Amino acid sequence: GGEALIMQQVPGDLVLSIRDGVQTLRLTRSAKKNALTTPMDQAKLSALEEADRAEAIAATIFTGSGGVFTAGNDINDFLAGVSGGEELHDRPVHRFVQYLPRVETPLIAAVDGLAIGIGTTLLFHCDLVYATPAARFSTPFLDLGLVPEAASSLLAPRRMGNARAFELLALGEVFDAERAREAGIVNQIVPGEELEACALRAAARLAAKPPAALKIARQLLRGDPGEIVDRLDAEARLFSERLRSPEAREAFEAFLEKRPANFKRG
């Protein structure tokens, strides 16, 4: 039953499959904990843009592989772009997050294992999030001398309240699946072997709804994307400034050399 499965390996450790009106984006760089590279960011952006253009696609599912959602941006790939003098605004990772508030197709995340950095902040843009008991959510931006991104400084307090948002984004607490569900990041915790089936069922239910009514309801729920885009841009400016700071340099060097960082006060 249903239409044939269309599956393609797109450039950048990503498998894109489309079936019965549902697009699945699977990160397949599991040997590197699905750490995101520039080609992966570009491929994700293209897939989201294509889903919005294609009337046949009713929902997009993000998922990982090998027991990991994603370890966030690949630090070496990220630093190579920075040292190449590339501005954050020009990078596919920023263009990808900038598009998230404007996406018209419902977004569903199926999270197993680590969801670090953008792996967690992406979820604030998703309409539904399903996770396994092994899911772990963390945003260690501050530990690297950086600031939260993907408009998480706006969306996390709105979703979770200030206390929990500060705990996640500033204190750097790791949330397990139960804590994430309690905080309102995760809709439902499901056994690992049922994770994708659960996400696909939700996507199929959305695909069966009247498309125009769904689109309008989703726009009403999400509100004005302008405020989110403004916050994304403000964060990106500060993030770029922080990347060039002595604090960030020390934090990254310590991370790469596997030693404690030594930050100067005052």
Protein backbone atom coordinates (compact mmCIF):
# COMPACT_ATOMS: atom_id res chain seq x y z
CA GLY A 1 0.00 0.00 0.00
CA GLY A 2 0.97 3.65 -0.37
CA GLU A 3 3.36 5.18 -2.84
CA ALA A 4 6.81 3.80 -3.48
CA LEU A 5 9.67 4.74 -1.19
CA ILE A 6 12.01 7.25 -2.79
CA MET A 7 15.39 7.13 -1.12
CA GLN A 8 18.57 9.00 -1.96
CA GLN A 9 21.96 9.46 -0.36
CA VAL A 10 22.49 13.21 -0.58
CA PRO A 11 25.93 14.81 -0.32
CA GLY A 12 27.00 15.09 3.28
CA ASP A 13 26.28 11.95 5.30
CA LEU A 14 22.53 12.29 4.99
CA VAL A 15 19.93 9.87 3.64
CA LEU A 16 16.73 11.47 2.41
CA SER A 17 13.65 9.28 1.99
CA ILE A 18 10.12 10.20 0.97
CA ARG A 19 7.12 7.93 1.39
CA ASP A 20 3.37 8.59 1.61
CA GLY A 21 3.91 12.34 1.85
CA VAL A 22 6.50 12.12 4.64
CA GLN A 23 10.12 13.18 4.17
CA THR A 24 12.69 11.64 6.53
CA LEU A 25 16.14 13.22 6.95
CA ARG A 26 18.48 10.67 8.50
CA LEU A 27 21.96 11.70 9.66
CA THR A 28 24.32 8.83 8.77
CA ARG A 29 27.70 9.98 10.06
CA SER A 30 27.39 7.73 13.09
CA ALA A 31 31.16 7.02 13.26
CA LYS A 32 31.51 10.73 14.19
CA LYS A 33 28.35 10.77 16.37
CA ASN A 34 26.51 12.48 13.49
CA ALA A 35 28.50 15.68 14.11
CA LEU A 36 27.30 18.19 11.52
CA THR A 37 29.51 19.40 8.69
CA THR A 38 28.94 22.19 6.17
CA PRO A 39 27.69 19.76 3.45
CA MET A 40 25.23 18.24 5.94
CA ASP A 41 23.88 21.68 6.86
CA GLN A 42 23.50 22.55 3.18
CA ALA A 43 21.70 19.27 2.46
CA LYS A 44 19.27 19.78 5.38
CA LEU A 45 18.48 23.32 4.24
CA SER A 46 17.85 22.18 0.64
CA ALA A 47 15.57 19.37 1.84
CA LEU A 48 13.47 21.74 3.98
CA GLU A 49 13.17 24.26 1.13
CA GLU A 50 12.17 21.48 -1.27
CA ALA A 51 9.54 20.16 1.17
CA ASP A 52 7.95 23.62 1.33
CA ARG A 53 7.84 23.82 -2.48
CA ALA A 54 6.54 20.27 -2.98
CA GLU A 55 2.82 20.01 -2.20
CA ALA A 56 3.24 16.23 -1.97
CA ILE A 57 5.31 16.48 1.23
CA ALA A 58 3.14 16.92 4.33
CA ALA A 59 5.78 16.59 7.08
CA THR A 60 9.53 16.23 7.65
CA ILE A 61 11.11 13.91 10.23
CA PHE A 62 14.66 14.50 11.55
CA THR A 63 16.42 11.45 12.92
CA GLY A 64 19.91 10.11 13.57
CA SER A 65 21.52 6.68 13.35
CA GLY A 66 23.75 4.37 15.35
CA GLY A 67 22.11 5.28 18.67
CA VAL A 68 22.92 9.00 18.29
CA PHE A 69 20.79 11.94 17.15
CA THR A 70 23.68 14.39 16.71
CA ALA A 71 26.69 15.60 18.69
CA GLY A 72 26.12 19.11 17.24
CA ASN A 73 28.43 21.02 14.93
CA ASP A 74 31.70 19.30 14.03
CA ILE A 75 34.21 21.46 15.90
CA ASN A 76 37.05 21.03 13.38
CA ASP A 77 34.77 21.78 10.42
CA PHE A 78 33.36 24.76 12.31
CA LEU A 79 36.76 26.19 13.26
CA ALA A 80 38.08 25.72 9.71
CA GLY A 81 35.30 28.01 8.46
CA VAL A 82 36.02 30.58 11.16
CA SER A 83 39.78 30.63 10.56
CA GLY A 84 39.02 30.95 6.85
CA GLY A 85 37.49 34.32 7.73
CA GLU A 86 33.97 33.19 6.84
CA GLU A 87 31.23 35.16 8.61
CA LEU A 88 28.66 33.10 10.47
CA HIS A 89 25.86 34.77 8.47
CA ASP A 90 27.30 33.32 5.26
CA ARG A 91 27.58 29.75 6.51
CA PRO A 92 25.07 27.00 5.69
CA VAL A 93 24.60 26.28 9.42
CA HIS A 94 23.26 29.82 9.95
CA ARG A 95 21.16 29.74 6.77
CA PHE A 96 19.69 26.43 7.97
CA VAL A 97 18.69 27.78 11.42
CA GLN A 98 17.44 31.03 9.86
CA TYR A 99 15.07 29.01 7.72
CA LEU A 100 13.62 27.04 10.66
CA PRO A 101 11.15 29.77 11.81
CA ARG A 102 9.97 30.13 8.19
CA VAL A 103 9.45 26.42 7.46
CA GLU A 104 5.85 25.80 6.39
CA THR A 105 5.92 21.99 6.56
CA PRO A 106 5.46 20.47 10.03
CA LEU A 107 8.73 19.27 11.60
CA ILE A 108 8.99 16.13 13.73
CA ALA A 109 12.13 14.95 15.54
CA ALA A 110 12.85 11.33 16.53
CA VAL A 111 15.70 11.50 19.07
CA ASP A 112 17.80 8.59 20.27
CA GLY A 113 21.00 9.06 22.29
CA LEU A 114 22.99 12.29 22.25
CA ALA A 115 21.35 15.55 21.15
CA ILE A 116 24.04 18.19 21.71
CA GLY A 117 24.05 21.88 20.77
CA ILE A 118 21.99 22.37 17.61
CA GLY A 119 20.76 18.79 18.27
CA THR A 120 18.79 20.27 21.18
CA THR A 121 18.12 23.83 19.97
CA LEU A 122 16.66 22.48 16.70
CA LEU A 123 13.93 20.83 18.78
CA PHE A 124 12.47 24.20 19.84
CA HIS A 125 11.53 24.68 16.17
CA CYS A 126 9.94 21.23 15.82
CA ASP A 127 6.20 20.71 16.18
CA LEU A 128 6.50 17.23 17.70
CA VAL A 129 9.45 15.53 19.40
CA TYR A 130 9.67 11.83 20.27
CA ALA A 131 12.61 10.43 22.24
CA THR A 132 13.91 7.12 23.53
CA PRO A 133 14.86 6.59 27.20
CA ALA A 134 18.52 6.84 26.04
CA ALA A 135 18.11 10.41 24.74
CA ARG A 136 20.38 13.05 26.35
CA PHE A 137 19.98 16.77 25.69
CA SER A 138 22.69 19.37 26.30
CA THR A 139 23.79 22.78 25.03
CA PRO A 140 27.43 23.38 26.06
CA PHE A 141 27.79 26.72 24.24
CA LEU A 142 28.83 28.65 27.34
CA ASP A 143 31.57 26.14 28.17
CA LEU A 144 33.12 26.97 24.77
CA GLY A 145 32.97 30.72 25.48
CA LEU A 146 30.00 31.09 23.12
CA VAL A 147 26.32 32.03 23.49
CA PRO A 148 23.13 30.05 22.76
CA GLU A 149 22.03 29.96 19.11
CA ALA A 150 19.08 29.04 16.83
CA ALA A 151 16.93 31.53 18.81
CA SER A 152 17.10 29.18 21.83
CA SER A 153 17.60 32.19 24.14
CA LEU A 154 14.05 33.23 23.16
CA LEU A 155 12.36 29.89 22.52
CA ALA A 156 13.69 27.88 25.48
CA PRO A 157 12.38 30.22 28.23
CA ARG A 158 9.08 30.45 26.33
CA ARG A 159 8.81 26.65 26.20
CA MET A 160 10.32 25.66 29.56
CA GLY A 161 10.21 28.73 31.79
CA ASN A 162 13.29 30.74 32.79
CA ALA A 163 14.55 28.46 35.54
CA ARG A 164 14.81 25.34 33.39
CA ALA A 165 16.03 27.28 30.36
CA PHE A 166 18.88 28.78 32.41
CA GLU A 167 19.72 25.33 33.76
CA LEU A 168 19.98 23.92 30.22
CA LEU A 169 21.54 26.87 28.34
CA ALA A 170 23.73 28.55 30.99
CA LEU A 171 24.48 26.01 33.73
CA GLY A 172 24.91 23.38 31.01
CA GLU A 173 22.90 20.69 32.77
CA VAL A 174 22.31 17.52 30.74
CA PHE A 175 18.60 16.65 30.57
CA ASP A 176 17.64 13.00 30.29
CA ALA A 177 14.51 11.97 28.38
CA GLU A 178 12.23 12.18 31.42
CA ARG A 179 13.49 15.65 32.39
CA ALA A 180 13.10 16.82 28.78
CA ARG A 181 9.53 15.54 28.68
CA GLU A 182 8.75 17.23 32.00
CA ALA A 183 10.26 20.47 30.63
CA GLY A 184 8.06 20.34 27.53
CA ILE A 185 10.84 19.69 25.01
CA VAL A 186 9.71 16.10 24.35
CA ASN A 187 6.12 15.01 23.66
CA GLN A 188 6.53 11.31 24.40
CA ILE A 189 9.20 8.80 25.41
CA VAL A 190 9.04 5.58 23.39
CA PRO A 191 11.19 2.42 23.34
CA GLY A 192 14.11 2.58 20.91
CA GLU A 193 12.69 -0.03 18.54
CA GLU A 194 9.39 1.93 18.27
CA LEU A 195 10.86 5.42 17.87
CA GLU A 196 10.67 5.82 14.11
CA ALA A 197 7.34 4.04 13.76
CA CYS A 198 5.94 6.47 16.34
CA ALA A 199 7.24 9.52 14.43
CA LEU A 200 5.96 8.12 11.13
CA ARG A 201 2.50 7.49 12.61
CA ALA A 202 2.29 11.11 13.79
CA ALA A 203 3.49 12.32 10.38
CA ALA A 204 0.90 10.12 8.62
CA ARG A 205 -1.84 11.59 10.81
CA LEU A 206 -0.75 15.10 9.80
CA ALA A 207 -0.58 14.06 6.13
CA ALA A 208 -4.22 12.90 6.35
CA LYS A 209 -5.48 16.28 7.56
CA PRO A 210 -6.90 19.06 5.34
CA PRO A 211 -3.62 20.73 4.22
CA ALA A 212 -4.82 24.35 4.15
CA ALA A 213 -6.41 24.10 7.60
CA LEU A 214 -3.26 22.46 8.99
CA LYS A 215 -1.07 25.21 7.55
CA ILE A 216 -3.23 27.97 9.06
CA ALA A 217 -3.48 26.24 12.46
CA ARG A 218 0.30 25.79 12.55
CA GLN A 219 0.90 29.46 11.67
CA LEU A 220 -1.47 30.55 14.46
CA LEU A 221 0.31 28.31 16.98
CA ARG A 222 3.79 29.45 15.96
CA GLY A 223 3.01 33.17 15.84
CA ASP A 224 5.10 35.82 14.11
CA PRO A 225 8.39 34.40 12.82
CA GLY A 226 9.84 37.95 12.65
CA GLU A 227 10.65 38.07 16.37
CA ILE A 228 12.44 34.69 16.14
CA VAL A 229 14.41 35.74 13.05
CA ASP A 230 15.47 38.96 14.84
CA ARG A 231 16.71 36.95 17.83
CA LEU A 232 18.55 34.52 15.51
CA ASP A 233 20.38 37.45 13.93
CA ALA A 234 21.21 39.05 17.30
CA GLU A 235 22.55 35.72 18.62
CA ALA A 236 24.58 35.16 15.42
CA ARG A 237 26.24 38.59 15.77
CA LEU A 238 27.18 37.89 19.39
CA PHE A 239 28.21 34.31 18.54
CA SER A 240 30.59 35.64 15.84
CA GLU A 241 32.08 38.18 18.28
CA ARG A 242 32.50 35.49 20.94
CA LEU A 243 34.22 33.13 18.47
CA ARG A 244 36.99 35.73 18.11
CA SER A 245 37.30 36.26 21.86
CA PRO A 246 40.29 35.08 23.97
CA GLU A 247 37.77 33.13 26.13
CA ALA A 248 36.54 31.08 23.18
CA ARG A 249 40.08 30.52 21.91
CA GLU A 250 41.13 29.15 25.31
CA ALA A 251 37.95 27.04 25.58
CA PHE A 252 38.42 25.46 22.14
CA GLU A 253 42.13 24.82 22.67
CA ALA A 254 41.40 23.20 26.04
CA PHE A 255 38.64 21.09 24.44
CA LEU A 256 40.88 19.90 21.60
CA GLU A 257 43.81 19.28 23.99
CA LYS A 258 41.48 17.51 26.47
CA ARG A 259 42.54 19.70 29.42
CA PRO A 260 40.66 22.01 31.81
CA ALA A 261 40.20 25.54 30.46
CA ASN A 262 41.75 28.43 32.35
CA PHE A 263 39.57 31.57 32.15
CA LYS A 264 40.74 34.96 33.44
CA ARG A 265 38.39 36.93 35.67
CA GLY A 266 38.06 40.67 35.35
